[in-house]
Amino acid sequence: MRKQLVPVIKDYKILLVDDEIGIIDSIGTVLKRNGYMYKGSTNPLEAIEMVHSEHFDLLVLDFLMHPIHGDKVVEQIRQFNKEIYILLLTGHKDLAPPLETIKKLDIQGYCEKSDNFDQLILLIESGIKSIAQMRTIAKFRDGHNKILQSVPKIYQLQPIDIILEEILIQIMPIVNGTNAFIMVDDTTEETTEQRSFFRGIGKYKTDLGTFWNMLTPEFITQIGSARANKINVFFQGGVIIPLVNEYKHSLGVLFVESPDREDGLRLLEIFSNQAASSISNAFLHSLVNVKNELLNRTYVQLKRNYLDTVQALRLAVDAKDVYTRGHSDRVSFYSVELGKAVGLKNNELQTLKLSGLFHDIGKIGTANDLLLKSDRLHPDEYEEIKKHSLTGAHILSVISFFKDVVPVVRHHHERMDGSGYPDGLKGNRIPYLARIVAIADAFDAMMSDRMYRSRLDHENIRNELIRGAGTQFDTELTQAFIEIIDGLPQPETINMNELSFDE
């Protein structure tokens, strides 16, 4: 009976070198019988060139050869190839090179020539196992390096479609594959309509409609099974891997066609974990952006509505007293002009503009009979009037848009000598913009007719401001304001109602 043929092991190439062709034929026959592929050479110099120009996994060579011995062959080969596995044959153990030479040249083993090649085959099989392990180590090393290089790319904050495509591109060289696809669902969506995403590479690089037509009912069932059970499923020369995030939620599946179902699969599982994390990160980032956009729109609308309300209250305060009508507009205008004179920045001028407009907003809570009283106020009535600065600050504190305006409104009645209200602040403890509004407020009061007196002229106003400098008003700001008084327009021409309140 003929012996059953052994399957040819195509993954490993062996080079036999001996200056006797009979030895090569004999060993070659045994190698074929055991399924190994080999090439032979009787010229050791030619063998060196063969190793240099071709890939061989294992070299079996005789020690005593012409024109150079085997140790010299190995010495030259080791100069350019450190990876090839080498077995040395000797006619007799006494003719073997010293152990120090074998170690120095990194020769993995040697045995004596014999009519029985069992020992040689055992050494070759042991060598092949060692080579396979080294291949695995190298593959994992290279695979991990590729994963480390690719992870930053898939973690970049890009549209989810781009991330999915980048994942597929990075996977292919890791598993030596050509065809793959990835399908994921956006589990962060809070609407009833769930968003799904698909990307393919190789034969699966197509639109979603065509892709579904490529799948058989069995394939679809296997995809569903892999995702539902969160397990790998081998199908049609590839593997379906569920993409599961750190919270054990299934995001979708990754399918890769690859001939490597062992080491490649391990690398693929490592990469798929990173891919799931990057996809989850992208969805969460997208959700945060949506929420931020929604919050921004809500805030803008809230701010607009509140500004309209405050503006209406301001106008209501103005309407309470015919003698003070337009007062807030004018204080806003004068404050901004003084701010310009002392070199304030645009954002500070905007704060001054709003502070002037709303500095008396708190008077909405003051009784009309107190505001319109022509006689001298009693102490308790005056205390009631003084509450308007605090009330105004509280009204404006409702939204953060007024955060810079609030202290100005609260402290615009403080005095430099500390005798003002509501907090009795003194000197530089009074906010700078509040000191500006205080001067603008006093100037407009002196420029306006009252039931108990007529408006003052510029000369008298200057004298009053100078008299109050250092006690009621900031001295430097008072001097700056006096210098611009003559250039200010007539009060009746000032109208700030068309101000823009956008940031």
Protein backbone atom coordinates (compact mmCIF):
# COMPACT_ATOMS: atom_id res chain seq x y z
CA MET A 1 0.00 0.00 0.00
CA ARG A 2 1.15 3.51 -0.76
CA LYS A 3 1.59 5.82 2.19
CA GLN A 4 -0.91 8.62 2.49
CA LEU A 5 0.61 11.90 1.35
CA VAL A 6 1.43 14.41 4.09
CA PRO A 7 -0.03 17.91 3.47
CA VAL A 8 2.66 20.30 2.26
CA ILE A 9 3.65 22.91 4.86
CA LYS A 10 3.92 26.02 2.67
CA ASP A 11 4.48 28.54 5.43
CA TYR A 12 8.14 27.66 5.99
CA LYS A 13 11.10 27.53 3.58
CA ILE A 14 14.18 25.42 4.30
CA LEU A 15 17.60 25.69 2.62
CA LEU A 16 19.88 22.60 2.57
CA VAL A 17 23.60 23.20 1.97
CA ASP A 18 26.12 20.36 1.52
CA ASP A 19 28.86 19.93 -1.04
CA GLU A 20 27.66 16.34 -1.60
CA ILE A 21 24.54 16.18 -3.76
CA GLY A 22 23.69 12.74 -2.35
CA ILE A 23 23.32 14.16 1.15
CA ILE A 24 21.01 16.92 -0.11
CA ASP A 25 18.87 14.39 -2.03
CA SER A 26 18.61 12.06 0.98
CA ILE A 27 17.66 14.81 3.46
CA GLY A 28 15.39 16.41 0.86
CA THR A 29 13.45 13.16 0.42
CA VAL A 30 12.87 12.94 4.16
CA LEU A 31 11.76 16.60 4.28
CA LYS A 32 9.27 16.07 1.44
CA ARG A 33 7.94 12.99 3.16
CA ASN A 34 7.23 15.14 6.22
CA GLY A 35 5.58 17.90 4.20
CA TYR A 36 8.37 20.50 4.21
CA MET A 37 9.37 22.67 1.23
CA TYR A 38 13.09 23.07 0.61
CA LYS A 39 15.80 24.20 -1.77
CA GLY A 40 19.29 22.72 -1.96
CA SER A 41 22.74 23.97 -2.87
CA THR A 42 26.11 22.22 -3.08
CA ASN A 43 28.01 25.51 -3.20
CA PRO A 44 28.34 27.28 0.17
CA LEU A 45 29.14 30.63 -1.50
CA GLU A 46 26.03 30.33 -3.63
CA ALA A 47 24.06 29.49 -0.49
CA ILE A 48 25.16 32.79 1.09
CA GLU A 49 23.80 34.68 -1.93
CA MET A 50 20.55 32.70 -1.83
CA VAL A 51 19.95 33.65 1.80
CA HIS A 52 20.75 37.24 0.90
CA SER A 53 18.30 37.41 -2.02
CA GLU A 54 15.50 35.07 -0.85
CA HIS A 55 13.62 34.50 2.37
CA PHE A 56 14.39 31.25 4.18
CA ASP A 57 13.17 30.37 7.65
CA LEU A 58 15.61 27.55 8.39
CA LEU A 59 19.12 26.71 7.17
CA VAL A 60 20.55 23.17 7.43
CA LEU A 61 24.22 23.00 6.40
CA ASP A 62 27.25 20.74 6.65
CA PHE A 63 30.25 21.85 8.65
CA LEU A 64 33.09 20.54 6.48
CA MET A 65 32.61 21.89 2.95
CA HIS A 66 34.66 23.22 0.06
CA PRO A 67 35.68 26.01 -0.59
CA ILE A 68 34.65 27.25 2.92
CA HIS A 69 33.44 25.45 6.01
CA GLY A 70 29.98 25.84 7.45
CA ASP A 71 31.05 28.07 10.34
CA LYS A 72 32.43 30.60 7.83
CA VAL A 73 29.18 30.45 5.88
CA VAL A 74 27.22 31.18 9.05
CA GLU A 75 29.63 33.96 9.99
CA GLN A 76 28.96 35.77 6.69
CA ILE A 77 25.20 35.18 6.84
CA ARG A 78 24.95 36.56 10.38
CA GLN A 79 26.36 39.83 9.12
CA PHE A 80 23.10 40.57 7.28
CA ASN A 81 20.58 38.08 8.69
CA LYS A 82 20.11 37.59 12.42
CA GLU A 83 16.70 35.88 12.19
CA ILE A 84 17.26 32.68 10.17
CA TYR A 85 17.24 29.48 12.26
CA ILE A 86 20.42 27.43 11.68
CA LEU A 87 21.17 23.71 12.19
CA LEU A 88 24.72 22.46 11.64
CA LEU A 89 25.51 18.91 10.44
CA THR A 90 28.78 17.17 11.19
CA GLY A 91 30.23 13.90 9.98
CA HIS A 92 31.41 13.14 13.50
CA LYS A 93 30.89 14.93 16.81
CA ASP A 94 34.63 15.27 17.23
CA LEU A 95 34.67 17.38 14.04
CA ALA A 96 32.06 19.84 15.31
CA PRO A 97 33.18 23.44 15.93
CA PRO A 98 33.82 24.47 19.54
CA LEU A 99 30.79 25.30 21.68
CA GLU A 100 32.01 28.90 21.95
CA THR A 101 31.82 29.23 18.13
CA ILE A 102 28.31 27.77 18.03
CA LYS A 103 27.14 30.29 20.66
CA LYS A 104 28.96 33.19 19.05
CA LEU A 105 27.38 32.51 15.64
CA ASP A 106 23.94 31.92 17.19
CA ILE A 107 23.66 28.40 15.75
CA GLN A 108 20.52 26.90 17.27
CA GLY A 109 21.57 23.24 17.06
CA TYR A 110 23.72 20.58 15.42
CA CYS A 111 23.66 16.85 14.93
CA GLU A 112 25.76 14.12 13.39
CA LYS A 113 25.10 12.83 9.91
CA SER A 114 23.47 9.39 9.91
CA ASP A 115 21.52 7.04 7.73
CA ASN A 116 18.65 7.61 10.16
CA PHE A 117 17.38 11.15 9.94
CA ASP A 118 15.00 10.94 12.89
CA GLN A 119 17.17 13.17 15.07
CA LEU A 120 17.49 15.75 12.28
CA ILE A 121 13.71 15.79 11.66
CA LEU A 122 13.11 16.28 15.40
CA LEU A 123 15.52 19.22 15.40
CA ILE A 124 13.85 20.67 12.29
CA GLU A 125 10.38 20.30 13.81
CA SER A 126 11.63 21.90 17.01
CA GLY A 127 13.12 24.71 14.91
CA ILE A 128 9.83 25.21 13.02
CA LYS A 129 7.94 25.50 16.33
CA SER A 130 10.46 28.05 17.54
CA ILE A 131 10.14 29.98 14.29
CA ALA A 132 6.33 29.90 14.59
CA GLN A 133 6.55 31.30 18.12
CA MET A 134 8.92 34.03 16.99
CA ARG A 135 6.52 34.88 14.16
CA THR A 136 3.68 35.16 16.65
CA ILE A 137 5.73 37.40 18.92
CA ALA A 138 6.77 39.57 15.99
CA LYS A 139 3.22 39.69 14.70
CA PHE A 140 1.86 40.78 18.06
CA ARG A 141 4.67 43.28 18.45
CA ASP A 142 4.01 44.78 15.02
CA GLY A 143 0.26 44.56 15.53
CA HIS A 144 0.43 46.33 18.86
CA ASN A 145 2.67 48.99 17.33
CA LYS A 146 0.14 49.51 14.54
CA ILE A 147 -2.67 49.74 17.08
CA LEU A 148 -0.72 52.28 19.14
CA GLN A 149 -0.07 54.30 15.98
CA SER A 150 -3.68 54.12 14.84
CA VAL A 151 -5.45 54.84 18.14
CA PRO A 152 -4.73 58.61 18.10
CA LYS A 153 -6.22 58.79 14.59
CA ILE A 154 -9.50 57.13 15.53
CA TYR A 155 -9.79 59.20 18.72
CA GLN A 156 -9.66 62.51 16.86
CA LEU A 157 -12.90 64.47 17.26
CA GLN A 158 -14.23 64.16 13.72
CA PRO A 159 -17.64 63.35 12.18
CA ILE A 160 -18.61 59.76 13.02
CA ASP A 161 -18.50 58.72 9.33
CA ILE A 162 -14.85 59.77 9.12
CA ILE A 163 -13.99 57.91 12.33
CA LEU A 164 -15.61 54.68 11.05
CA GLU A 165 -13.70 54.90 7.78
CA GLU A 166 -10.45 55.55 9.67
CA ILE A 167 -11.10 52.47 11.84
CA LEU A 168 -11.42 50.26 8.75
CA ILE A 169 -8.32 51.73 7.13
CA GLN A 170 -6.27 51.09 10.27
CA ILE A 171 -7.58 47.53 10.72
CA MET A 172 -6.64 46.15 7.31
CA PRO A 173 -2.83 46.02 7.72
CA ILE A 174 -3.19 44.61 11.25
CA VAL A 175 -5.05 41.49 10.09
CA ASN A 176 -3.85 41.33 6.47
CA GLY A 177 -7.44 41.72 5.30
CA THR A 178 -9.00 43.46 2.31
CA ASN A 179 -12.77 43.38 2.90
CA ALA A 180 -14.55 44.72 5.97
CA PHE A 181 -17.51 46.76 7.14
CA ILE A 182 -18.70 48.43 10.31
CA MET A 183 -22.25 49.27 11.41
CA VAL A 184 -23.06 51.27 14.56
CA ASP A 185 -26.06 52.94 16.18
CA ASP A 186 -26.03 56.21 18.06
CA THR A 187 -27.20 55.07 21.49
CA THR A 188 -26.94 58.61 22.88
CA GLU A 189 -29.89 59.82 20.83
CA GLU A 190 -32.84 60.81 23.01
CA THR A 191 -35.35 60.91 20.17
CA THR A 192 -37.47 57.98 19.04
CA GLU A 193 -35.65 57.95 15.70
CA GLN A 194 -32.30 56.18 16.14
CA ARG A 195 -29.40 57.17 13.90
CA SER A 196 -27.40 54.37 12.26
CA PHE A 197 -24.06 54.62 10.47
CA PHE A 198 -22.33 52.30 7.98
CA ARG A 199 -18.93 52.23 6.33
CA GLY A 200 -17.34 49.54 4.17
CA ILE A 201 -13.95 48.84 2.59
CA GLY A 202 -12.93 46.54 -0.24
CA LYS A 203 -15.95 44.84 -1.78
CA TYR A 204 -18.16 46.37 0.92
CA LYS A 205 -17.25 49.95 -0.04
CA THR A 206 -20.71 50.87 -1.31
CA ASP A 207 -23.90 52.64 -0.30
CA LEU A 208 -26.14 51.26 2.41
CA GLY A 209 -28.86 50.06 0.03
CA THR A 210 -26.45 48.04 -2.11
CA PHE A 211 -24.78 46.70 1.02
CA TRP A 212 -28.02 45.25 2.39
CA ASN A 213 -28.62 43.49 -0.92
CA MET A 214 -25.19 41.84 -0.59
CA LEU A 215 -26.16 40.16 2.69
CA THR A 216 -27.89 36.82 2.79
CA PRO A 217 -30.60 36.15 5.41
CA GLU A 218 -28.13 33.86 7.18
CA PHE A 219 -25.48 36.59 7.26
CA ILE A 220 -27.96 39.09 8.72
CA THR A 221 -28.98 36.51 11.33
CA GLN A 222 -25.35 35.94 12.32
CA ILE A 223 -24.76 39.70 12.61
CA GLY A 224 -27.78 39.96 14.91
CA SER A 225 -26.58 37.00 16.95
CA ALA A 226 -23.08 38.44 17.42
CA ARG A 227 -24.49 41.76 18.55
CA ALA A 228 -27.25 40.42 20.79
CA ASN A 229 -25.04 37.85 22.53
CA LYS A 230 -21.89 40.02 22.45
CA ILE A 231 -19.79 37.17 21.10
CA ASN A 232 -17.55 36.71 18.06
CA VAL A 233 -19.15 34.81 15.19
CA PHE A 234 -17.11 33.24 12.37
CA PHE A 235 -18.88 33.45 9.03
CA GLN A 236 -17.97 33.40 5.31
CA GLY A 237 -14.20 33.49 5.81
CA GLY A 238 -14.34 36.28 8.32
CA VAL A 239 -15.36 37.18 11.82
CA ILE A 240 -18.20 39.33 13.15
CA ILE A 241 -17.08 41.17 16.28
CA PRO A 242 -19.59 43.05 18.46
CA LEU A 243 -18.52 46.57 19.38
CA VAL A 244 -19.17 46.95 23.09
CA ASN A 245 -18.31 50.09 25.06
CA GLU A 246 -17.02 50.31 28.61
CA TYR A 247 -20.58 50.28 29.95
CA LYS A 248 -21.23 46.93 28.21
CA HIS A 249 -23.63 48.58 25.77
CA SER A 250 -23.63 47.20 22.23
CA LEU A 251 -22.86 49.93 19.70
CA GLY A 252 -22.82 47.77 16.55
CA VAL A 253 -20.66 45.21 14.76
CA LEU A 254 -17.40 44.99 12.87
CA PHE A 255 -16.92 42.34 10.17
CA VAL A 256 -13.49 41.56 8.76
CA GLU A 257 -12.56 38.93 6.20
CA SER A 258 -9.14 37.55 7.15
CA PRO A 259 -7.33 34.23 6.67
CA ASP A 260 -5.84 34.59 10.15
CA ARG A 261 -8.34 33.37 12.73
CA GLU A 262 -5.92 33.03 15.61
CA ASP A 263 -3.29 35.69 16.18
CA GLY A 264 -5.06 38.14 13.87
CA LEU A 265 -8.28 37.69 15.81
CA ARG A 266 -6.56 38.49 19.10
CA LEU A 267 -5.19 41.72 17.64
CA LEU A 268 -8.57 42.48 16.10
CA GLU A 269 -10.28 42.10 19.47
CA ILE A 270 -7.78 44.49 21.07
CA PHE A 271 -8.33 47.04 18.31
CA SER A 272 -12.12 46.61 18.34
CA ASN A 273 -12.18 47.58 22.02
CA GLN A 274 -10.36 50.79 21.17
CA ALA A 275 -12.67 51.34 18.19
CA ALA A 276 -15.79 50.93 20.37
CA SER A 277 -14.38 53.41 22.87
CA SER A 278 -13.58 55.97 20.16
CA ILE A 279 -17.08 55.61 18.64
CA SER A 280 -18.70 56.01 22.05
CA ASN A 281 -16.52 59.05 22.66
CA ALA A 282 -17.57 60.56 19.32
CA PHE A 283 -21.26 60.02 20.08
CA LEU A 284 -20.92 61.59 23.53
CA HIS A 285 -19.03 64.56 22.06
CA SER A 286 -21.79 64.97 19.47
CA LEU A 287 -24.41 64.83 22.23
CA VAL A 288 -22.54 67.45 24.25
CA ASN A 289 -22.41 69.71 21.19
CA VAL A 290 -26.14 69.28 20.60
CA LYS A 291 -26.90 69.99 24.26
CA ASN A 292 -24.60 73.02 24.27
CA GLU A 293 -26.23 74.37 21.13
CA LEU A 294 -29.66 73.86 22.68
CA LEU A 295 -28.55 75.52 25.91
CA ASN A 296 -27.05 78.43 24.00
CA ARG A 297 -30.26 78.96 22.05
CA THR A 298 -32.26 78.74 25.27
CA TYR A 299 -29.93 81.16 27.02
CA VAL A 300 -30.06 83.66 24.16
CA GLN A 301 -33.86 83.54 24.17
CA LEU A 302 -33.96 83.81 27.97
CA LYS A 303 -31.59 86.76 27.87
CA ARG A 304 -33.63 88.46 25.17
CA ASN A 305 -36.88 87.93 27.03
CA TYR A 306 -35.41 89.13 30.30
CA LEU A 307 -33.84 92.17 28.67
CA ASP A 308 -37.21 93.05 27.18
CA THR A 309 -38.75 92.74 30.64
CA VAL A 310 -36.07 94.86 32.31
CA GLN A 311 -36.28 97.42 29.53
CA ALA A 312 -40.03 97.63 30.06
CA LEU A 313 -39.47 98.11 33.81
CA ARG A 314 -36.92 100.84 33.12
CA LEU A 315 -39.35 102.70 30.92
CA ALA A 316 -42.03 102.25 33.56
CA VAL A 317 -39.74 103.87 36.13
CA ASP A 318 -39.06 106.74 33.74
CA ALA A 319 -42.78 107.20 33.18
CA LYS A 320 -43.43 107.59 36.92
CA ASP A 321 -41.96 111.09 37.07
CA VAL A 322 -42.26 113.65 34.32
CA TYR A 323 -39.29 115.49 35.79
CA THR A 324 -36.94 112.53 35.47
CA ARG A 325 -38.18 111.20 32.11
CA GLY A 326 -35.20 110.24 29.95
CA HIS A 327 -32.90 110.37 32.99
CA SER A 328 -31.60 106.80 32.54
CA ASP A 329 -30.82 107.38 28.86
CA ARG A 330 -28.86 110.50 29.68
CA VAL A 331 -26.95 108.93 32.58
CA SER A 332 -26.02 106.06 30.23
CA PHE A 333 -24.80 108.53 27.60
CA TYR A 334 -22.79 110.69 30.02
CA SER A 335 -21.24 107.61 31.63
CA VAL A 336 -20.04 106.31 28.28
CA GLU A 337 -18.62 109.73 27.33
CA LEU A 338 -16.68 109.92 30.60
CA GLY A 339 -15.53 106.33 30.09
CA LYS A 340 -14.19 107.26 26.66
CA ALA A 341 -12.42 110.30 28.11
CA VAL A 342 -10.49 108.13 30.59
CA GLY A 343 -9.62 105.49 27.96
CA LEU A 344 -11.85 102.55 28.92
CA LYS A 345 -12.07 99.51 26.65
CA ASN A 346 -15.11 98.63 24.54
CA ASN A 347 -16.36 95.93 26.92
CA GLU A 348 -16.19 98.40 29.83
CA LEU A 349 -18.05 101.02 27.81
CA GLN A 350 -20.77 98.47 27.08
CA THR A 351 -21.05 97.76 30.82
CA LEU A 352 -21.29 101.50 31.50
CA LYS A 353 -23.98 101.86 28.86
CA LEU A 354 -26.14 99.16 30.46
CA SER A 355 -25.36 100.33 34.00
CA GLY A 356 -26.54 103.84 33.19
CA LEU A 357 -29.72 102.61 31.58
CA PHE A 358 -30.63 100.37 34.49
CA HIS A 359 -29.10 102.20 37.47
CA ASP A 360 -32.54 103.24 38.79
CA ILE A 361 -34.40 100.06 37.85
CA GLY A 362 -34.91 99.35 41.55
CA LYS A 363 -37.28 102.33 41.84
CA ILE A 364 -39.97 100.13 40.28
CA GLY A 365 -40.55 98.95 43.85
CA THR A 366 -40.67 102.45 45.35
CA ALA A 367 -44.05 104.01 46.08
CA ASN A 368 -45.07 106.84 43.75
CA ASP A 369 -45.87 109.23 46.59
CA LEU A 370 -42.25 109.01 47.72
CA LEU A 371 -40.79 109.49 44.25
CA LEU A 372 -43.08 112.45 43.52
CA LYS A 373 -42.92 114.09 46.94
CA SER A 374 -41.96 117.77 46.66
CA ASP A 375 -41.32 118.30 50.35
CA ARG A 376 -38.23 117.24 52.23
CA LEU A 377 -38.21 113.47 52.86
CA HIS A 378 -38.43 112.18 56.43
CA PRO A 379 -35.55 109.93 57.54
CA ASP A 380 -37.64 106.77 57.22
CA GLU A 381 -38.82 107.85 53.77
CA TYR A 382 -35.24 108.50 52.72
CA GLU A 383 -34.25 105.03 53.95
CA GLU A 384 -37.00 103.59 51.76
CA ILE A 385 -35.73 105.52 48.73
CA LYS A 386 -32.18 104.28 49.39
CA LYS A 387 -33.33 100.69 48.94
CA HIS A 388 -33.66 101.15 45.19
CA SER A 389 -29.96 100.44 44.51
CA LEU A 390 -30.16 97.07 46.26
CA THR A 391 -33.49 96.25 44.63
CA GLY A 392 -32.04 97.05 41.23
CA ALA A 393 -29.01 94.84 41.85
CA HIS A 394 -31.31 91.96 42.83
CA ILE A 395 -33.43 92.37 39.70
CA LEU A 396 -30.36 92.32 37.45
CA SER A 397 -28.77 89.36 39.27
CA VAL A 398 -31.32 86.94 37.82
CA ILE A 399 -29.21 86.21 34.70
CA SER A 400 -25.44 86.14 34.32
CA PHE A 401 -25.56 88.55 31.39
CA PHE A 402 -25.74 91.41 33.93
CA LYS A 403 -22.96 90.10 36.22
CA ASP A 404 -20.72 93.12 35.48
CA VAL A 405 -23.60 95.59 35.69
CA VAL A 406 -24.88 94.45 39.11
CA PRO A 407 -22.03 95.96 41.24
CA VAL A 408 -22.29 99.27 39.38
CA VAL A 409 -26.03 99.51 39.99
CA ARG A 410 -25.60 98.49 43.64
CA HIS A 411 -22.86 101.00 44.43
CA HIS A 412 -23.62 104.07 42.27
CA HIS A 413 -24.74 105.96 45.42
CA GLU A 414 -21.60 105.21 47.43
CA ARG A 415 -19.43 108.24 48.33
CA MET A 416 -15.65 108.55 48.41
CA ASP A 417 -15.74 109.50 52.11
CA GLY A 418 -17.72 106.35 52.98
CA SER A 419 -21.00 108.12 53.83
CA GLY A 420 -22.92 106.71 50.87
CA TYR A 421 -25.21 103.67 50.59
CA PRO A 422 -26.04 100.78 50.62
CA ASP A 423 -22.71 99.43 51.95
CA GLY A 424 -20.83 102.57 53.01
CA LEU A 425 -17.87 101.76 50.78
CA LYS A 426 -14.99 104.22 50.78
CA GLY A 427 -12.41 105.35 48.25
CA ASN A 428 -11.03 102.73 45.90
CA ARG A 429 -13.27 100.05 47.40
CA ILE A 430 -16.07 101.57 45.33
CA PRO A 431 -16.12 99.93 41.86
CA TYR A 432 -14.51 102.25 39.29
CA LEU A 433 -17.47 102.13 36.92
CA ALA A 434 -19.85 102.91 39.79
CA ARG A 435 -17.81 106.09 40.48
CA ILE A 436 -18.32 107.09 36.84
CA VAL A 437 -22.08 106.51 36.96
CA ALA A 438 -22.27 108.49 40.23
CA ILE A 439 -20.86 111.59 38.48
CA ALA A 440 -23.10 111.11 35.42
CA ASP A 441 -26.14 110.63 37.68
CA ALA A 442 -25.41 113.80 39.69
CA PHE A 443 -24.69 115.82 36.53
CA ASP A 444 -28.03 114.92 34.92
CA ALA A 445 -29.88 115.70 38.16
CA MET A 446 -28.33 119.17 38.19
CA MET A 447 -29.11 119.59 34.48
CA SER A 448 -32.80 118.74 35.02
CA ASP A 449 -35.68 120.88 36.23
CA ARG A 450 -37.18 119.88 39.55
CA MET A 451 -40.37 120.92 41.35
CA TYR A 452 -38.22 122.62 43.96
CA ARG A 453 -35.67 124.26 41.59
CA SER A 454 -34.72 124.95 37.99
CA ARG A 455 -31.79 123.37 36.18
CA LEU A 456 -28.29 124.69 36.90
CA ASP A 457 -25.98 126.18 34.28
CA HIS A 458 -22.61 124.65 33.45
CA GLU A 459 -20.71 127.08 35.65
CA ASN A 460 -22.69 126.21 38.76
CA ILE A 461 -22.52 122.52 37.91
CA ARG A 462 -18.73 122.73 37.68
CA ASN A 463 -18.58 124.38 41.07
CA GLU A 464 -20.81 121.69 42.61
CA LEU A 465 -18.73 118.90 41.12
CA ILE A 466 -15.49 120.48 42.32
CA ARG A 467 -17.03 120.95 45.78
CA GLY A 468 -17.91 117.26 45.91
CA ALA A 469 -14.56 115.99 44.58
CA GLY A 470 -12.78 113.80 47.11
CA THR A 471 -15.81 113.49 49.39
CA GLN A 472 -18.73 112.52 47.14
CA PHE A 473 -16.93 112.00 43.81
CA ASP A 474 -13.66 110.54 42.59
CA THR A 475 -11.30 113.52 42.16
CA GLU A 476 -9.59 112.38 38.94
CA LEU A 477 -12.87 111.33 37.31
CA THR A 478 -14.44 114.64 38.34
CA GLN A 479 -11.64 116.57 36.66
CA ALA A 480 -11.97 114.44 33.50
CA PHE A 481 -15.72 115.05 33.37
CA ILE A 482 -15.39 118.82 33.86
CA GLU A 483 -13.09 118.88 30.81
CA ILE A 484 -15.78 117.35 28.54
CA ILE A 485 -18.87 119.15 29.88
CA ASP A 486 -18.90 121.87 27.25
CA GLY A 487 -18.78 119.27 24.45
CA LEU A 488 -21.85 117.33 25.64
CA PRO A 489 -25.07 117.63 23.59
CA GLN A 490 -28.29 119.13 24.88
CA PRO A 491 -30.18 116.71 27.18
CA GLU A 492 -33.33 116.66 25.05
CA THR A 493 -31.36 115.29 22.06
CA ILE A 494 -30.11 112.21 23.91
CA ASN A 495 -32.04 108.97 23.26
CA MET A 496 -30.57 105.55 24.05
CA ASN A 497 -33.67 103.45 23.30
CA GLU A 498 -32.13 101.91 20.19
CA LEU A 499 -29.22 100.34 22.04
CA SER A 500 -28.16 96.84 21.03
CA PHE A 501 -28.00 94.44 23.97
CA ASP A 502 -26.23 91.60 22.16
CA GLU A 503 -22.91 90.48 23.63
